[in-house]
Amino acid sequence: MKQYGSRMELISVRDLTKPKAINALRALRSRGFPKSPKDEEDFHTVYDKVGGRLAFLTKVAKEKNMIEKCDEIYEAEKTWLLVRQSGR
């Protein structure tokens, strides 16, 4: 089967609000890790660091240390932006 460019649609996916992001993170996290009292405060910290972008929330939820993963994502995004800016 061929994909035709004229049939493709662009779907905009917006970042989640803080309450929705925390609920999503809670649900994603519950799949792989037992519930910890510390998780609740970490969820707010995670949102403050990476926002409501689902791709980032999914990556963070899979890691044992969510805050450390947030810092890795931040550094990777910062590097990407700096490299892109210097390439102009």
PDB file of N, CA and C in Angstrom:
ATOM      1  N   MET A   1       0.834  -1.176   0.000  1.00  0.00           N
ATOM      2  CA  MET A   1       0.000   0.000   0.000  1.00  0.00           C
ATOM      3  C   MET A   1       0.881   1.241   0.000  1.00  0.00           C
ATOM      4  N   LYS A   2       0.429   2.237  -0.692  1.00  0.00           N
ATOM      5  CA  LYS A   2       1.155   3.491  -0.749  1.00  0.00           C
ATOM      6  C   LYS A   2       0.464   4.539   0.102  1.00  0.00           C
ATOM      7  N   GLN A   3       1.267   5.374   0.672  1.00  0.00           N
ATOM      8  CA  GLN A   3       0.697   6.503   1.398  1.00  0.00           C
ATOM      9  C   GLN A   3       0.783   7.726   0.497  1.00  0.00           C
ATOM     10  N   TYR A   4      -0.303   8.405   0.357  1.00  0.00           N
ATOM     11  CA  TYR A   4      -0.341   9.600  -0.466  1.00  0.00           C
ATOM     12  C   TYR A   4      -0.324  10.828   0.432  1.00  0.00           C
ATOM     13  N   GLY A   5       0.538  11.774   0.103  1.00  0.00           N
ATOM     14  CA  GLY A   5       0.675  12.987   0.892  1.00  0.00           C
ATOM     15  C   GLY A   5      -0.609  13.784   0.997  1.00  0.00           C
ATOM     16  N   SER A   6      -1.421  13.715  -0.029  1.00  0.00           N
ATOM     17  CA  SER A   6      -2.653  14.509  -0.006  1.00  0.00           C
ATOM     18  C   SER A   6      -3.676  13.944   0.985  1.00  0.00           C
ATOM     19  N   ARG A   7      -3.497  12.721   1.421  1.00  0.00           N
ATOM     20  CA  ARG A   7      -4.447  12.106   2.345  1.00  0.00           C
ATOM     21  C   ARG A   7      -4.009  12.211   3.804  1.00  0.00           C
ATOM     22  N   MET A   8      -2.821  12.710   4.023  1.00  0.00           N
ATOM     23  CA  MET A   8      -2.328  12.821   5.393  1.00  0.00           C
ATOM     24  C   MET A   8      -2.933  14.040   6.068  1.00  0.00           C
ATOM     25  N   GLU A   9      -3.172  13.887   7.339  1.00  0.00           N
ATOM     26  CA  GLU A   9      -3.698  14.992   8.122  1.00  0.00           C
ATOM     27  C   GLU A   9      -2.734  15.306   9.252  1.00  0.00           C
ATOM     28  N   LEU A  10      -2.657  16.558   9.583  1.00  0.00           N
ATOM     29  CA  LEU A  10      -1.845  16.986  10.700  1.00  0.00           C
ATOM     30  C   LEU A  10      -2.732  17.047  11.931  1.00  0.00           C
ATOM     31  N   ILE A  11      -2.322  16.336  12.965  1.00  0.00           N
ATOM     32  CA  ILE A  11      -3.088  16.318  14.209  1.00  0.00           C
ATOM     33  C   ILE A  11      -2.258  17.024  15.273  1.00  0.00           C
ATOM     34  N   SER A  12      -2.812  18.045  15.843  1.00  0.00           N
ATOM     35  CA  SER A  12      -2.118  18.801  16.867  1.00  0.00           C
ATOM     36  C   SER A  12      -2.390  18.179  18.232  1.00  0.00           C
ATOM     37  N   VAL A  13      -1.322  17.883  18.955  1.00  0.00           N
ATOM     38  CA  VAL A  13      -1.445  17.336  20.303  1.00  0.00           C
ATOM     39  C   VAL A  13      -0.837  18.350  21.257  1.00  0.00           C
ATOM     40  N   ARG A  14      -1.656  18.888  22.104  1.00  0.00           N
ATOM     41  CA  ARG A  14      -1.198  19.921  23.038  1.00  0.00           C
ATOM     42  C   ARG A  14      -0.669  19.286  24.324  1.00  0.00           C
ATOM     43  N   ASP A  15       0.155  20.049  25.011  1.00  0.00           N
ATOM     44  CA  ASP A  15       0.650  19.597  26.314  1.00  0.00           C
ATOM     45  C   ASP A  15      -0.514  19.524  27.304  1.00  0.00           C
ATOM     46  N   LEU A  16      -0.400  18.609  28.251  1.00  0.00           N
ATOM     47  CA  LEU A  16      -1.439  18.443  29.260  1.00  0.00           C
ATOM     48  C   LEU A  16      -1.348  19.537  30.319  1.00  0.00           C
ATOM     49  N   THR A  17      -2.487  19.844  30.905  1.00  0.00           N
ATOM     50  CA  THR A  17      -2.494  20.758  32.050  1.00  0.00           C
ATOM     51  C   THR A  17      -1.866  20.039  33.234  1.00  0.00           C
ATOM     52  N   LYS A  18      -1.526  20.779  34.273  1.00  0.00           N
ATOM     53  CA  LYS A  18      -0.854  20.164  35.428  1.00  0.00           C
ATOM     54  C   LYS A  18      -1.681  19.048  36.060  1.00  0.00           C
ATOM     55  N   PRO A  19      -2.986  19.246  36.347  1.00  0.00           N
ATOM     56  CA  PRO A  19      -3.747  18.139  36.947  1.00  0.00           C
ATOM     57  C   PRO A  19      -3.819  16.908  36.033  1.00  0.00           C
ATOM     58  N   LYS A  20      -4.003  17.123  34.747  1.00  0.00           N
ATOM     59  CA  LYS A  20      -4.074  15.991  33.816  1.00  0.00           C
ATOM     60  C   LYS A  20      -2.726  15.308  33.671  1.00  0.00           C
ATOM     61  N   ALA A  21      -1.654  16.091  33.656  1.00  0.00           N
ATOM     62  CA  ALA A  21      -0.314  15.522  33.541  1.00  0.00           C
ATOM     63  C   ALA A  21       0.023  14.669  34.756  1.00  0.00           C
ATOM     64  N   ILE A  22      -0.330  15.150  35.943  1.00  0.00           N
ATOM     65  CA  ILE A  22      -0.045  14.394  37.164  1.00  0.00           C
ATOM     66  C   ILE A  22      -0.874  13.112  37.200  1.00  0.00           C
ATOM     67  N   ASN A  23      -2.123  13.171  36.775  1.00  0.00           N
ATOM     68  CA  ASN A  23      -2.947  11.954  36.700  1.00  0.00           C
ATOM     69  C   ASN A  23      -2.378  10.967  35.697  1.00  0.00           C
ATOM     70  N   ALA A  24      -1.930  11.466  34.556  1.00  0.00           N
ATOM     71  CA  ALA A  24      -1.335  10.587  33.542  1.00  0.00           C
ATOM     72  C   ALA A  24      -0.048   9.965  34.066  1.00  0.00           C
ATOM     73  N   LEU A  25       0.766  10.766  34.714  1.00  0.00           N
ATOM     74  CA  LEU A  25       2.023  10.261  35.279  1.00  0.00           C
ATOM     75  C   LEU A  25       1.754   9.213  36.346  1.00  0.00           C
ATOM     76  N   ARG A  26       0.751   9.466  37.173  1.00  0.00           N
ATOM     77  CA  ARG A  26       0.358   8.508  38.216  1.00  0.00           C
ATOM     78  C   ARG A  26      -0.060   7.171  37.573  1.00  0.00           C
ATOM     79  N   ALA A  27      -0.847   7.243  36.508  1.00  0.00           N
ATOM     80  CA  ALA A  27      -1.313   6.027  35.835  1.00  0.00           C
ATOM     81  C   ALA A  27      -0.162   5.298  35.147  1.00  0.00           C
ATOM     82  N   LEU A  28       0.701   6.042  34.459  1.00  0.00           N
ATOM     83  CA  LEU A  28       1.841   5.426  33.781  1.00  0.00           C
ATOM     84  C   LEU A  28       2.796   4.790  34.788  1.00  0.00           C
ATOM     85  N   ARG A  29       3.005   5.464  35.879  1.00  0.00           N
ATOM     86  CA  ARG A  29       3.934   4.994  36.905  1.00  0.00           C
ATOM     87  C   ARG A  29       3.422   3.736  37.604  1.00  0.00           C
ATOM     88  N   SER A  30       2.115   3.638  37.773  1.00  0.00           N
ATOM     89  CA  SER A  30       1.541   2.496  38.489  1.00  0.00           C
ATOM     90  C   SER A  30       1.727   1.177  37.737  1.00  0.00           C
ATOM     91  N   ARG A  31       1.975   1.250  36.456  1.00  0.00           N
ATOM     92  CA  ARG A  31       2.163   0.025  35.664  1.00  0.00           C
ATOM     93  C   ARG A  31       3.469  -0.687  35.978  1.00  0.00           C
ATOM     94  N   GLY A  32       4.515   0.071  36.308  1.00  0.00           N
ATOM     95  CA  GLY A  32       5.813  -0.558  36.476  1.00  0.00           C
ATOM     96  C   GLY A  32       6.397  -0.528  37.867  1.00  0.00           C
ATOM     97  N   PHE A  33       5.859   0.342  38.714  1.00  0.00           N
ATOM     98  CA  PHE A  33       6.449   0.496  40.036  1.00  0.00           C
ATOM     99  C   PHE A  33       5.372   0.491  41.106  1.00  0.00           C
ATOM    100  N   PRO A  34       5.672  -0.120  42.241  1.00  0.00           N
ATOM    101  CA  PRO A  34       4.708  -0.065  43.345  1.00  0.00           C
ATOM    102  C   PRO A  34       4.581   1.373  43.840  1.00  0.00           C
ATOM    103  N   LYS A  35       3.427   1.687  44.374  1.00  0.00           N
ATOM    104  CA  LYS A  35       3.167   3.055  44.824  1.00  0.00           C
ATOM    105  C   LYS A  35       4.054   3.405  46.008  1.00  0.00           C
ATOM    106  N   SER A  36       4.625   4.583  45.941  1.00  0.00           N
ATOM    107  CA  SER A  36       5.486   5.081  47.001  1.00  0.00           C
ATOM    108  C   SER A  36       4.952   6.438  47.458  1.00  0.00           C
ATOM    109  N   PRO A  37       4.974   6.726  48.753  1.00  0.00           N
ATOM    110  CA  PRO A  37       4.490   8.030  49.231  1.00  0.00           C
ATOM    111  C   PRO A  37       5.271   9.198  48.629  1.00  0.00           C
ATOM    112  N   LYS A  38       6.542   8.964  48.338  1.00  0.00           N
ATOM    113  CA  LYS A  38       7.395  10.006  47.762  1.00  0.00           C
ATOM    114  C   LYS A  38       6.972  10.351  46.335  1.00  0.00           C
ATOM    115  N   ASP A  39       6.336   9.420  45.645  1.00  0.00           N
ATOM    116  CA  ASP A  39       5.931   9.648  44.263  1.00  0.00           C
ATOM    117  C   ASP A  39       5.048  10.876  44.117  1.00  0.00           C
ATOM    118  N   GLU A  40       4.130  11.085  45.040  1.00  0.00           N
ATOM    119  CA  GLU A  40       3.197  12.208  44.915  1.00  0.00           C
ATOM    120  C   GLU A  40       3.915  13.548  44.846  1.00  0.00           C
ATOM    121  N   GLU A  41       4.893  13.760  45.699  1.00  0.00           N
ATOM    122  CA  GLU A  41       5.630  15.024  45.631  1.00  0.00           C
ATOM    123  C   GLU A  41       6.532  15.064  44.402  1.00  0.00           C
ATOM    124  N   ASP A  42       7.046  13.897  43.999  1.00  0.00           N
ATOM    125  CA  ASP A  42       7.864  13.838  42.787  1.00  0.00           C
ATOM    126  C   ASP A  42       7.048  14.175  41.541  1.00  0.00           C
ATOM    127  N   PHE A  43       5.777  13.813  41.510  1.00  0.00           N
ATOM    128  CA  PHE A  43       4.947  14.113  40.347  1.00  0.00           C
ATOM    129  C   PHE A  43       4.891  15.616  40.094  1.00  0.00           C
ATOM    130  N   HIS A  44       4.766  16.388  41.145  1.00  0.00           N
ATOM    131  CA  HIS A  44       4.726  17.845  40.996  1.00  0.00           C
ATOM    132  C   HIS A  44       6.084  18.379  40.528  1.00  0.00           C
ATOM    133  N   THR A  45       7.151  17.812  41.046  1.00  0.00           N
ATOM    134  CA  THR A  45       8.495  18.212  40.634  1.00  0.00           C
ATOM    135  C   THR A  45       8.730  17.865  39.169  1.00  0.00           C
ATOM    136  N   VAL A  46       8.284  16.676  38.761  1.00  0.00           N
ATOM    137  CA  VAL A  46       8.425  16.259  37.367  1.00  0.00           C
ATOM    138  C   VAL A  46       7.696  17.234  36.460  1.00  0.00           C
ATOM    139  N   TYR A  47       6.478  17.595  36.811  1.00  0.00           N
ATOM    140  CA  TYR A  47       5.728  18.540  35.979  1.00  0.00           C
ATOM    141  C   TYR A  47       6.448  19.882  35.902  1.00  0.00           C
ATOM    142  N   ASP A  48       6.980  20.341  37.006  1.00  0.00           N
ATOM    143  CA  ASP A  48       7.702  21.615  37.009  1.00  0.00           C
ATOM    144  C   ASP A  48       8.947  21.563  36.127  1.00  0.00           C
ATOM    145  N   LYS A  49       9.557  20.385  35.993  1.00  0.00           N
ATOM    146  CA  LYS A  49      10.781  20.257  35.205  1.00  0.00           C
ATOM    147  C   LYS A  49      10.525  20.013  33.719  1.00  0.00           C
ATOM    148  N   VAL A  50       9.549  19.156  33.375  1.00  0.00           N
ATOM    149  CA  VAL A  50       9.354  18.809  31.959  1.00  0.00           C
ATOM    150  C   VAL A  50       7.998  19.228  31.402  1.00  0.00           C
ATOM    151  N   GLY A  51       7.120  19.735  32.249  1.00  0.00           N
ATOM    152  CA  GLY A  51       5.831  20.196  31.754  1.00  0.00           C
ATOM    153  C   GLY A  51       4.873  19.060  31.452  1.00  0.00           C
ATOM    154  N   GLY A  52       3.927  19.310  30.579  1.00  0.00           N
ATOM    155  CA  GLY A  52       2.883  18.342  30.299  1.00  0.00           C
ATOM    156  C   GLY A  52       3.029  17.604  28.982  1.00  0.00           C
ATOM    157  N   ARG A  53       4.231  17.561  28.437  1.00  0.00           N
ATOM    158  CA  ARG A  53       4.445  16.858  27.171  1.00  0.00           C
ATOM    159  C   ARG A  53       4.408  15.354  27.405  1.00  0.00           C
ATOM    160  N   LEU A  54       3.480  14.684  26.727  1.00  0.00           N
ATOM    161  CA  LEU A  54       3.262  13.250  26.949  1.00  0.00           C
ATOM    162  C   LEU A  54       4.498  12.402  26.676  1.00  0.00           C
ATOM    163  N   ALA A  55       5.252  12.746  25.661  1.00  0.00           N
ATOM    164  CA  ALA A  55       6.453  11.962  25.347  1.00  0.00           C
ATOM    165  C   ALA A  55       7.433  11.983  26.511  1.00  0.00           C
ATOM    166  N   PHE A  56       7.597  13.144  27.130  1.00  0.00           N
ATOM    167  CA  PHE A  56       8.516  13.253  28.259  1.00  0.00           C
ATOM    168  C   PHE A  56       7.952  12.549  29.485  1.00  0.00           C
ATOM    169  N   LEU A  57       6.662  12.693  29.726  1.00  0.00           N
ATOM    170  CA  LEU A  57       6.043  12.044  30.882  1.00  0.00           C
ATOM    171  C   LEU A  57       6.161  10.528  30.784  1.00  0.00           C
ATOM    172  N   THR A  58       5.998  10.003  29.589  1.00  0.00           N
ATOM    173  CA  THR A  58       6.109   8.554  29.377  1.00  0.00           C
ATOM    174  C   THR A  58       7.523   8.075  29.672  1.00  0.00           C
ATOM    175  N   LYS A  59       8.521   8.808  29.183  1.00  0.00           N
ATOM    176  CA  LYS A  59       9.913   8.432  29.446  1.00  0.00           C
ATOM    177  C   LYS A  59      10.232   8.478  30.937  1.00  0.00           C
ATOM    178  N   VAL A  60       9.783   9.529  31.583  1.00  0.00           N
ATOM    179  CA  VAL A  60      10.070   9.716  33.008  1.00  0.00           C
ATOM    180  C   VAL A  60       9.404   8.630  33.850  1.00  0.00           C
ATOM    181  N   ALA A  61       8.169   8.283  33.528  1.00  0.00           N
ATOM    182  CA  ALA A  61       7.411   7.311  34.327  1.00  0.00           C
ATOM    183  C   ALA A  61       8.055   5.925  34.317  1.00  0.00           C
ATOM    184  N   LYS A  62       8.817   5.605  33.280  1.00  0.00           N
ATOM    185  CA  LYS A  62       9.427   4.281  33.154  1.00  0.00           C
ATOM    186  C   LYS A  62      10.723   4.143  33.963  1.00  0.00           C
ATOM    187  N   GLU A  63      11.231   5.246  34.461  1.00  0.00           N
ATOM    188  CA  GLU A  63      12.517   5.223  35.161  1.00  0.00           C
ATOM    189  C   GLU A  63      12.345   5.103  36.668  1.00  0.00           C
ATOM    190  N   LYS A  64      13.297   4.454  37.291  1.00  0.00           N
ATOM    191  CA  LYS A  64      13.253   4.315  38.746  1.00  0.00           C
ATOM    192  C   LYS A  64      13.413   5.678  39.411  1.00  0.00           C
ATOM    193  N   ASN A  65      14.373   6.469  38.932  1.00  0.00           N
ATOM    194  CA  ASN A  65      14.597   7.810  39.461  1.00  0.00           C
ATOM    195  C   ASN A  65      14.038   8.832  38.449  1.00  0.00           C
ATOM    196  N   MET A  66      12.823   9.293  38.709  1.00  0.00           N
ATOM    197  CA  MET A  66      12.149  10.185  37.768  1.00  0.00           C
ATOM    198  C   MET A  66      12.838  11.543  37.661  1.00  0.00           C
ATOM    199  N   ILE A  67      13.315  12.065  38.768  1.00  0.00           N
ATOM    200  CA  ILE A  67      13.934  13.393  38.768  1.00  0.00           C
ATOM    201  C   ILE A  67      15.227  13.378  37.961  1.00  0.00           C
ATOM    202  N   GLU A  68      16.006  12.317  38.110  1.00  0.00           N
ATOM    203  CA  GLU A  68      17.251  12.182  37.352  1.00  0.00           C
ATOM    204  C   GLU A  68      16.955  12.131  35.851  1.00  0.00           C
ATOM    205  N   LYS A  69      15.899  11.414  35.472  1.00  0.00           N
ATOM    206  CA  LYS A  69      15.520  11.335  34.064  1.00  0.00           C
ATOM    207  C   LYS A  69      15.087  12.703  33.535  1.00  0.00           C
ATOM    208  N   CYS A  70      14.394  13.482  34.362  1.00  0.00           N
ATOM    209  CA  CYS A  70      14.006  14.848  33.967  1.00  0.00           C
ATOM    210  C   CYS A  70      15.239  15.676  33.643  1.00  0.00           C
ATOM    211  N   ASP A  71      16.262  15.547  34.485  1.00  0.00           N
ATOM    212  CA  ASP A  71      17.497  16.297  34.254  1.00  0.00           C
ATOM    213  C   ASP A  71      18.185  15.860  32.963  1.00  0.00           C
ATOM    214  N   GLU A  72      18.148  14.553  32.664  1.00  0.00           N
ATOM    215  CA  GLU A  72      18.720  14.049  31.415  1.00  0.00           C
ATOM    216  C   GLU A  72      17.961  14.605  30.206  1.00  0.00           C
ATOM    217  N   ILE A  73      16.658  14.627  30.287  1.00  0.00           N
ATOM    218  CA  ILE A  73      15.834  15.172  29.200  1.00  0.00           C
ATOM    219  C   ILE A  73      16.151  16.648  29.001  1.00  0.00           C
ATOM    220  N   TYR A  74      16.259  17.382  30.095  1.00  0.00           N
ATOM    221  CA  TYR A  74      16.577  18.806  30.027  1.00  0.00           C
ATOM    222  C   TYR A  74      17.908  19.029  29.311  1.00  0.00           C
ATOM    223  N   GLU A  75      18.926  18.265  29.699  1.00  0.00           N
ATOM    224  CA  GLU A  75      20.242  18.419  29.078  1.00  0.00           C
ATOM    225  C   GLU A  75      20.214  18.061  27.590  1.00  0.00           C
ATOM    226  N   ALA A  76      19.494  17.000  27.245  1.00  0.00           N
ATOM    227  CA  ALA A  76      19.398  16.595  25.836  1.00  0.00           C
ATOM    228  C   ALA A  76      18.695  17.671  25.001  1.00  0.00           C
ATOM    229  N   GLU A  77      17.623  18.233  25.519  1.00  0.00           N
ATOM    230  CA  GLU A  77      16.900  19.284  24.805  1.00  0.00           C
ATOM    231  C   GLU A  77      17.740  20.555  24.689  1.00  0.00           C
ATOM    232  N   LYS A  78      18.446  20.890  25.752  1.00  0.00           N
ATOM    233  CA  LYS A  78      19.313  22.067  25.748  1.00  0.00           C
ATOM    234  C   LYS A  78      20.412  21.901  24.697  1.00  0.00           C
ATOM    235  N   THR A  79      21.031  20.730  24.655  1.00  0.00           N
ATOM    236  CA  THR A  79      22.079  20.449  23.678  1.00  0.00           C
ATOM    237  C   THR A  79      21.536  20.544  22.265  1.00  0.00           C
ATOM    238  N   TRP A  80      20.354  19.960  22.034  1.00  0.00           N
ATOM    239  CA  TRP A  80      19.750  19.998  20.705  1.00  0.00           C
ATOM    240  C   TRP A  80      19.519  21.442  20.254  1.00  0.00           C
ATOM    241  N   LEU A  81      19.004  22.271  21.158  1.00  0.00           N
ATOM    242  CA  LEU A  81      18.741  23.665  20.818  1.00  0.00           C
ATOM    243  C   LEU A  81      20.027  24.427  20.525  1.00  0.00           C
ATOM    244  N   LEU A  82      21.056  24.199  21.338  1.00  0.00           N
ATOM    245  CA  LEU A  82      22.332  24.904  21.125  1.00  0.00           C
ATOM    246  C   LEU A  82      22.999  24.488  19.826  1.00  0.00           C
ATOM    247  N   VAL A  83      22.947  23.204  19.505  1.00  0.00           N
ATOM    248  CA  VAL A  83      23.528  22.722  18.248  1.00  0.00           C
ATOM    249  C   VAL A  83      22.758  23.288  17.060  1.00  0.00           C
ATOM    250  N   ARG A  84      21.468  23.287  17.182  1.00  0.00           N
ATOM    251  CA  ARG A  84      20.620  23.814  16.095  1.00  0.00           C
ATOM    252  C   ARG A  84      20.874  25.313  15.905  1.00  0.00           C
ATOM    253  N   GLN A  85      21.004  26.040  16.997  1.00  0.00           N
ATOM    254  CA  GLN A  85      21.229  27.480  16.913  1.00  0.00           C
ATOM    255  C   GLN A  85      22.596  27.788  16.309  1.00  0.00           C
ATOM    256  N   SER A  86      23.611  27.018  16.640  1.00  0.00           N
ATOM    257  CA  SER A  86      24.958  27.281  16.120  1.00  0.00           C
ATOM    258  C   SER A  86      25.093  26.889  14.658  1.00  0.00           C
ATOM    259  N   GLY A  87      24.186  26.075  14.155  1.00  0.00           N
ATOM    260  CA  GLY A  87      24.241  25.633  12.768  1.00  0.00           C
ATOM    261  C   GLY A  87      23.671  26.618  11.771  1.00  0.00           C
ATOM    262  N   ARG A  88      23.129  27.705  12.246  1.00  0.00           N
ATOM    263  CA  ARG A  88      22.531  28.700  11.336  1.00  0.00           C
ATOM    264  C   ARG A  88      23.539  29.504  10.598  1.00  0.00           C
TER     265      ARG A  88
END
